[in-house]
């Protein structure tokens, strides 16, 4: 139980740090948004049910320009901007974050819900996701998104 609370606290701190980092941006910048999909790999194998976020490093872009997607069983994903249904990502240099994807079903804190979530997480292949990819400050991965390359391959070591 302590480990679960510690993990939740760590995630909360990461989210708050990310929000503070983006709070200073105005969101008024003009940037091309292009459709982007791809495959997410870890140690040469597809990484299923992982959330990938591309954080644009162009000046003036805020959290409304952070594209994200969740990989399927084959590691395939499509990036979308917040509040948009069509595929899209800013065409610029981006830092790449990768975290565990959403856990399906009830997200309660009772013992049955916790056990179900733990069983789901244990069933995921190609784990664990290296912690370095969870934080903007420590991620070693950057990508340059360009309009003429809508398919990308994201490879984690």
Protein backbone atom coordinates (compact mmCIF):
# COMPACT_ATOMS: atom_id res chain seq x y z
CA UNK A 1 0.00 0.00 0.00
CA UNK A 2 2.87 2.38 0.84
CA UNK A 3 4.50 1.69 -2.54
CA UNK A 4 1.20 2.46 -4.34
CA UNK A 5 0.84 5.76 -2.47
CA UNK A 6 4.48 6.61 -3.14
CA UNK A 7 3.99 5.93 -6.87
CA UNK A 8 0.86 8.12 -6.91
CA UNK A 9 2.79 10.89 -5.13
CA UNK A 10 5.66 10.60 -7.63
CA UNK A 11 3.24 10.80 -10.55
CA UNK A 12 1.53 13.84 -8.98
CA UNK A 13 4.88 15.59 -8.50
CA UNK A 14 5.80 14.86 -12.14
CA UNK A 15 2.48 16.25 -13.37
CA UNK A 16 2.83 19.38 -11.24
CA UNK A 17 6.40 19.95 -12.46
CA UNK A 18 5.22 19.55 -16.05
CA UNK A 19 2.34 22.02 -15.46
CA UNK A 20 4.68 24.59 -13.90
CA UNK A 21 7.09 24.25 -16.81
CA UNK A 22 4.32 24.87 -19.32
CA UNK A 23 2.58 27.62 -17.33
CA UNK A 24 5.02 30.23 -18.56
CA UNK A 25 4.16 29.63 -22.22
CA UNK A 26 1.61 31.81 -23.94
CA UNK A 27 0.16 29.41 -26.49
CA UNK A 28 0.02 32.26 -29.04
CA UNK A 29 2.73 30.84 -31.26
CA UNK A 30 1.93 29.80 -34.82
CA UNK A 31 3.04 26.29 -35.63
CA UNK A 32 2.13 23.75 -38.28
CA UNK A 33 0.16 20.78 -36.98
CA UNK A 34 0.64 17.59 -38.97
CA UNK A 35 -0.90 14.11 -38.71
CA UNK A 36 1.45 11.69 -36.95
CA UNK A 37 1.24 8.00 -36.13
CA UNK A 38 3.89 5.43 -35.45
CA UNK A 39 5.14 2.50 -33.46
CA UNK A 40 6.60 2.45 -29.96
CA UNK A 41 9.36 -0.08 -29.25
CA UNK A 42 11.27 -1.00 -26.10
CA UNK A 43 14.36 -3.20 -26.34
CA UNK A 44 13.43 -4.09 -29.93
CA UNK A 45 9.87 -5.26 -29.14
CA UNK A 46 6.49 -3.49 -29.35
CA UNK A 47 5.49 -1.62 -26.19
CA UNK A 48 1.73 -2.10 -25.65
CA UNK A 49 -0.58 0.13 -23.57
CA UNK A 50 1.93 2.91 -23.03
CA UNK A 51 1.07 6.59 -23.25
CA UNK A 52 3.43 8.57 -25.44
CA UNK A 53 3.57 12.37 -25.28
CA UNK A 54 5.47 14.68 -27.59
CA UNK A 55 6.19 17.98 -25.88
CA UNK A 56 7.08 20.72 -28.40
CA UNK A 57 10.23 22.65 -27.62
CA UNK A 58 9.26 25.61 -29.82
CA UNK A 59 9.02 28.84 -27.87
CA UNK A 60 5.53 30.04 -26.93
CA UNK A 61 3.74 26.67 -27.01
CA UNK A 62 1.78 25.61 -23.94
CA UNK A 63 0.09 22.37 -22.83
CA UNK A 64 -2.49 22.70 -25.61
CA UNK A 65 0.24 21.63 -28.04
CA UNK A 66 1.39 18.46 -26.24
CA UNK A 67 0.39 15.61 -28.54
CA UNK A 68 -0.34 12.23 -26.98
CA UNK A 69 -1.52 8.74 -27.81
CA UNK A 70 -1.72 5.25 -26.33
CA UNK A 71 -0.03 2.31 -28.01
CA UNK A 72 -2.00 -0.80 -28.91
CA UNK A 73 -0.89 -4.45 -28.62
CA UNK A 74 1.46 -3.98 -31.61
CA UNK A 75 2.95 -0.79 -30.16
CA UNK A 76 1.13 1.34 -32.74
CA UNK A 77 -0.24 4.76 -31.80
CA UNK A 78 -1.75 7.91 -33.29
CA UNK A 79 -0.94 11.30 -31.76
CA UNK A 80 -3.63 13.86 -31.02
CA UNK A 81 -3.62 17.34 -29.53
CA UNK A 82 -5.85 17.95 -26.48
CA UNK A 83 -9.49 18.37 -27.47
CA UNK A 84 -8.93 17.33 -31.09
CA UNK A 85 -10.26 14.19 -32.73
CA UNK A 86 -8.04 14.25 -35.80
CA UNK A 87 -4.42 13.10 -35.71
CA UNK A 88 -1.99 15.89 -35.02
CA UNK A 89 1.34 16.95 -33.60
CA UNK A 90 3.35 20.16 -33.86
CA UNK A 91 5.95 20.14 -36.62
CA UNK A 92 9.01 21.05 -34.56
CA UNK A 93 11.56 19.56 -32.18
CA UNK A 94 9.80 17.63 -29.41
CA UNK A 95 10.85 15.86 -26.24
CA UNK A 96 9.34 12.40 -25.87
CA UNK A 97 7.73 11.13 -22.66
CA UNK A 98 6.51 7.56 -22.20
CA UNK A 99 4.49 6.35 -19.20
CA UNK A 100 2.13 3.49 -18.40
CA UNK A 101 -1.13 3.80 -20.30
CA UNK A 102 -4.56 3.94 -18.71
CA UNK A 103 -5.79 1.01 -16.66
CA UNK A 104 -9.17 -0.19 -17.95
CA UNK A 105 -12.19 -0.64 -15.71
CA UNK A 106 -12.99 0.60 -12.23
CA UNK A 107 -10.31 2.83 -10.75
CA UNK A 108 -11.53 2.58 -7.18
CA UNK A 109 -9.24 2.22 -4.19
CA UNK A 110 -10.92 -0.83 -2.72
CA UNK A 111 -8.89 -4.04 -2.56
CA UNK A 112 -10.69 -5.70 -5.50
CA UNK A 113 -10.01 -2.72 -7.80
CA UNK A 114 -6.38 -2.55 -6.73
CA UNK A 115 -5.90 -6.29 -7.32
CA UNK A 116 -7.57 -6.06 -10.75
CA UNK A 117 -5.31 -3.13 -11.74
CA UNK A 118 -2.21 -4.97 -10.48
CA UNK A 119 -3.17 -8.07 -12.47
CA UNK A 120 -3.64 -5.96 -15.61
CA UNK A 121 -0.27 -4.24 -15.18
CA UNK A 122 1.44 -7.59 -14.59
CA UNK A 123 -0.09 -8.94 -17.83
CA UNK A 124 1.52 -6.22 -19.95
CA UNK A 125 4.44 -7.35 -22.07
CA UNK A 126 7.85 -5.75 -22.41
CA UNK A 127 8.06 -4.02 -19.04
CA UNK A 128 9.18 -2.06 -17.09
CA UNK A 129 9.28 1.26 -18.95
CA UNK A 130 12.56 2.96 -17.96
CA UNK A 131 11.90 5.81 -15.51
CA UNK A 132 14.06 8.24 -17.51
CA UNK A 133 11.27 8.53 -20.12
CA UNK A 134 8.66 9.61 -17.54
CA UNK A 135 9.99 13.13 -16.94
CA UNK A 136 10.70 16.04 -19.25
CA UNK A 137 13.91 16.78 -17.39
CA UNK A 138 15.36 13.28 -17.72
CA UNK A 139 14.06 11.92 -21.02
CA UNK A 140 16.96 11.26 -23.37
CA UNK A 141 14.71 11.16 -26.43
CA UNK A 142 13.89 14.02 -28.80
CA UNK A 143 12.27 13.85 -32.22
CA UNK A 144 11.95 16.38 -35.00
CA UNK A 145 8.45 16.19 -36.47
CA UNK A 146 8.21 17.24 -40.11
CA UNK A 147 5.20 17.46 -42.42
CA UNK A 148 6.50 14.98 -44.97
CA UNK A 149 7.04 12.13 -42.47
CA UNK A 150 3.69 11.26 -40.79
CA UNK A 151 4.94 7.82 -39.63
CA UNK A 152 7.52 7.71 -36.86
CA UNK A 153 9.30 4.97 -34.96
CA UNK A 154 10.01 5.64 -31.28
CA UNK A 155 12.65 3.32 -29.87
CA UNK A 156 13.40 3.24 -26.15
CA UNK A 157 16.53 1.55 -24.80
